[in-house]
Protein backbone atom coordinates (compact mmCIF):
# COMPACT_ATOMS: atom_id res chain seq x y z
CA MET A 1 -7.58 -18.93 35.23
CA ASN A 2 -8.90 -22.16 33.76
CA ASN A 3 -11.11 -22.47 30.68
CA LEU A 4 -14.32 -22.94 32.69
CA ALA A 5 -13.71 -19.78 34.73
CA LYS A 6 -12.96 -17.80 31.52
CA THR A 7 -16.14 -19.07 29.92
CA VAL A 8 -18.27 -18.21 32.95
CA SER A 9 -16.64 -14.78 33.20
CA GLY A 10 -17.30 -14.13 29.51
CA LEU A 11 -20.92 -15.17 29.80
CA LEU A 12 -21.48 -12.96 32.82
CA THR A 13 -19.96 -10.02 30.97
CA LEU A 14 -22.17 -10.70 27.97
CA LEU A 15 -25.27 -10.85 30.19
CA LEU A 16 -24.40 -7.55 31.83
CA VAL A 17 -23.90 -5.88 28.46
CA LEU A 18 -27.16 -7.23 27.09
CA ALA A 19 -29.07 -6.14 30.22
CA SER A 20 -27.70 -2.60 29.92
CA PRO A 21 -30.42 -0.04 29.09
CA HIS A 22 -28.04 1.69 26.67
CA VAL A 23 -27.79 -1.35 24.47
CA ALA A 24 -31.53 -1.97 24.57
CA ALA A 25 -32.26 1.70 23.69
CA ASP A 26 -30.03 1.46 20.61
CA THR A 27 -32.00 -1.43 19.21
CA ASP A 28 -35.51 0.04 19.47
CA LEU A 29 -37.02 3.12 17.92
CA GLY A 30 -36.70 5.17 21.11
CA PRO A 31 -39.27 7.28 22.88
CA VAL A 32 -42.92 7.20 21.95
CA PHE A 33 -45.96 9.17 23.03
CA THR A 34 -47.16 7.99 26.44
CA GLU A 35 -50.74 6.95 27.19
CA SER A 36 -51.01 10.09 29.31
CA GLU A 37 -50.01 12.29 26.36
CA LYS A 38 -52.50 10.51 24.10
CA ARG A 39 -55.30 11.16 26.61
CA ILE A 40 -54.37 14.86 26.75
CA PHE A 41 -54.52 15.09 22.95
CA GLU A 42 -57.91 13.35 22.87
CA GLU A 43 -59.36 15.55 25.62
CA TYR A 44 -58.08 18.67 23.92
CA ALA A 45 -59.60 17.63 20.61
CA LYS A 46 -62.96 16.93 22.30
CA ASP A 47 -62.96 20.34 24.00
CA HIS A 48 -61.89 22.22 20.84
CA ARG A 49 -63.86 20.37 18.17
CA PRO A 50 -65.53 22.81 15.73
CA GLY A 51 -69.27 23.11 16.22
CA PRO A 52 -71.87 22.28 13.53
CA GLY A 53 -72.06 25.87 12.28
CA ASP A 54 -68.33 26.54 12.38
CA THR A 55 -67.05 27.20 8.88
CA SER A 56 -63.63 28.49 9.91
CA GLY A 57 -62.00 25.25 8.80
CA LYS A 58 -62.51 21.56 9.34
CA LYS A 59 -59.05 20.79 10.59
CA ASN A 60 -56.95 21.97 13.52
CA PRO A 61 -57.88 25.57 14.31
CA GLY A 62 -54.38 26.07 15.79
CA LYS A 63 -52.84 25.13 12.47
CA LYS A 64 -52.59 28.32 10.41
CA GLY A 65 -53.77 27.97 6.83
CA SER A 66 -54.86 24.39 7.28
CA ALA A 67 -58.40 24.86 5.98
CA GLY A 68 -58.55 23.77 2.41
CA ARG A 69 -54.94 22.65 2.31
CA LYS A 70 -54.31 19.46 0.34
CA SER A 71 -52.84 16.42 2.03
CA LEU A 72 -49.20 15.52 1.66
CA PRO A 73 -48.21 13.81 -1.57
CA PRO A 74 -48.28 9.99 -1.08
CA GLY A 75 -44.49 9.62 -1.41
CA ILE A 76 -43.83 12.17 1.34
CA ALA A 77 -46.64 10.87 3.54
CA LYS A 78 -45.13 7.36 3.23
CA ASN A 79 -41.79 8.64 4.53
CA LEU A 80 -43.41 10.30 7.51
CA GLN A 81 -42.93 7.39 9.88
CA ARG A 82 -41.04 6.25 12.96
CA GLY A 83 -37.32 5.83 12.62
CA LYS A 84 -37.00 8.01 9.51
CA PRO A 85 -35.90 11.61 9.34
CA LEU A 86 -38.59 14.24 8.83
CA PRO A 87 -38.64 14.89 5.08
CA PRO A 88 -36.84 18.16 4.23
CA GLY A 89 -38.95 21.22 3.53
CA ILE A 90 -42.08 19.73 5.07
CA ALA A 91 -44.44 22.27 6.62
CA LYS A 92 -44.59 21.60 10.34
CA ASN A 93 -46.77 23.51 12.76
CA TYR A 94 -46.35 23.74 16.50
CA LEU A 95 -49.04 22.59 18.88
CA PRO A 96 -51.45 25.27 20.16
CA GLY A 97 -49.91 26.93 23.23
CA ASP A 98 -52.71 25.87 25.60
CA LEU A 99 -52.30 22.25 24.52
CA ASP A 100 -48.51 22.33 24.73
CA ALA A 101 -48.73 23.74 28.27
CA GLN A 102 -50.69 20.63 29.40
CA LEU A 103 -48.04 18.20 28.17
CA PRO A 104 -44.95 17.14 30.10
CA GLU A 105 -41.67 18.64 28.94
CA ARG A 106 -39.55 16.41 26.73
CA LYS A 107 -35.96 17.66 26.62
CA GLY A 108 -34.34 17.07 23.26
CA TYR A 109 -37.67 16.40 21.52
CA GLU A 110 -40.34 18.52 19.89
CA ARG A 111 -43.96 17.79 19.16
CA VAL A 112 -45.27 19.18 15.88
CA VAL A 113 -48.33 18.82 13.66
CA VAL A 114 -47.83 17.78 10.06
CA ASP A 115 -50.79 17.13 7.80
CA GLY A 116 -53.08 16.49 10.79
CA ARG A 117 -50.63 14.08 12.48
CA VAL A 118 -48.93 14.80 15.80
CA ILE A 119 -45.25 13.91 15.48
CA LEU A 120 -42.54 13.48 18.09
CA ILE A 121 -39.16 14.49 16.61
CA GLU A 122 -35.73 14.12 18.09
CA GLU A 123 -34.32 17.64 17.80
CA ALA A 124 -30.65 16.69 17.42
CA THR A 125 -31.19 14.28 14.53
CA GLY A 126 -34.57 15.21 13.05
CA ILE A 127 -35.62 11.57 13.37
CA VAL A 128 -39.32 10.90 13.78
CA ARG A 129 -39.78 8.94 16.99
CA ASP A 130 -43.58 8.57 17.00
CA VAL A 131 -46.59 9.51 14.91
CA LEU A 132 -50.18 9.84 16.10
CA GLU A 133 -52.76 9.87 13.35
CA GLY A 134 -56.32 11.06 13.85
CA VAL A 135 -55.98 11.74 17.56
CA LEU A 136 -56.01 15.53 17.26
CA PHE A 137 -58.88 16.93 15.20
CA PRO A 138 -59.69 13.78 13.27
CA GLU A 139 -61.34 14.38 9.91
C-alpha cells in the first residue's frame, strides 16, 4: 500500500471513530431531563400548588419534613451540579408516587428531590447528570 492510500485509510478510520456515538457520549455530560419531563414537572407543580390558606408547608408537600427546613449550606449547594457526584450524606427525597408514575422510565438513573431541586442521578456512579431548579414547587 502506498503512502497516499495509508493516509486516506487512516483519515477514514479517524472519521468513523469520531462519528461513533460512544465517543461523543464520553465527551459530554450525558443524559439530561427532556422537554417532555420538564413539562410534566411544571404541570404537576401547577396542579399541586398549595392554596392561599394552606399552612402545611410552603415547599414540596411530597417532601417529608421540608417545611421550615433550612437550605443546603453554600459549599454543598455549589457542589450539587452536573458532572459531579452527589455529595455524601445529602438528604435526598424521592418524587411523589403520582408524579413518578407520569414520567418515562429511565433505566440506570434515578430522579430525586434535594433542597427543592429535581436531580437526575446515574445510579451506578452517583454522578449528577442534570439539575432542575425551581420547576417543582418554586418558592
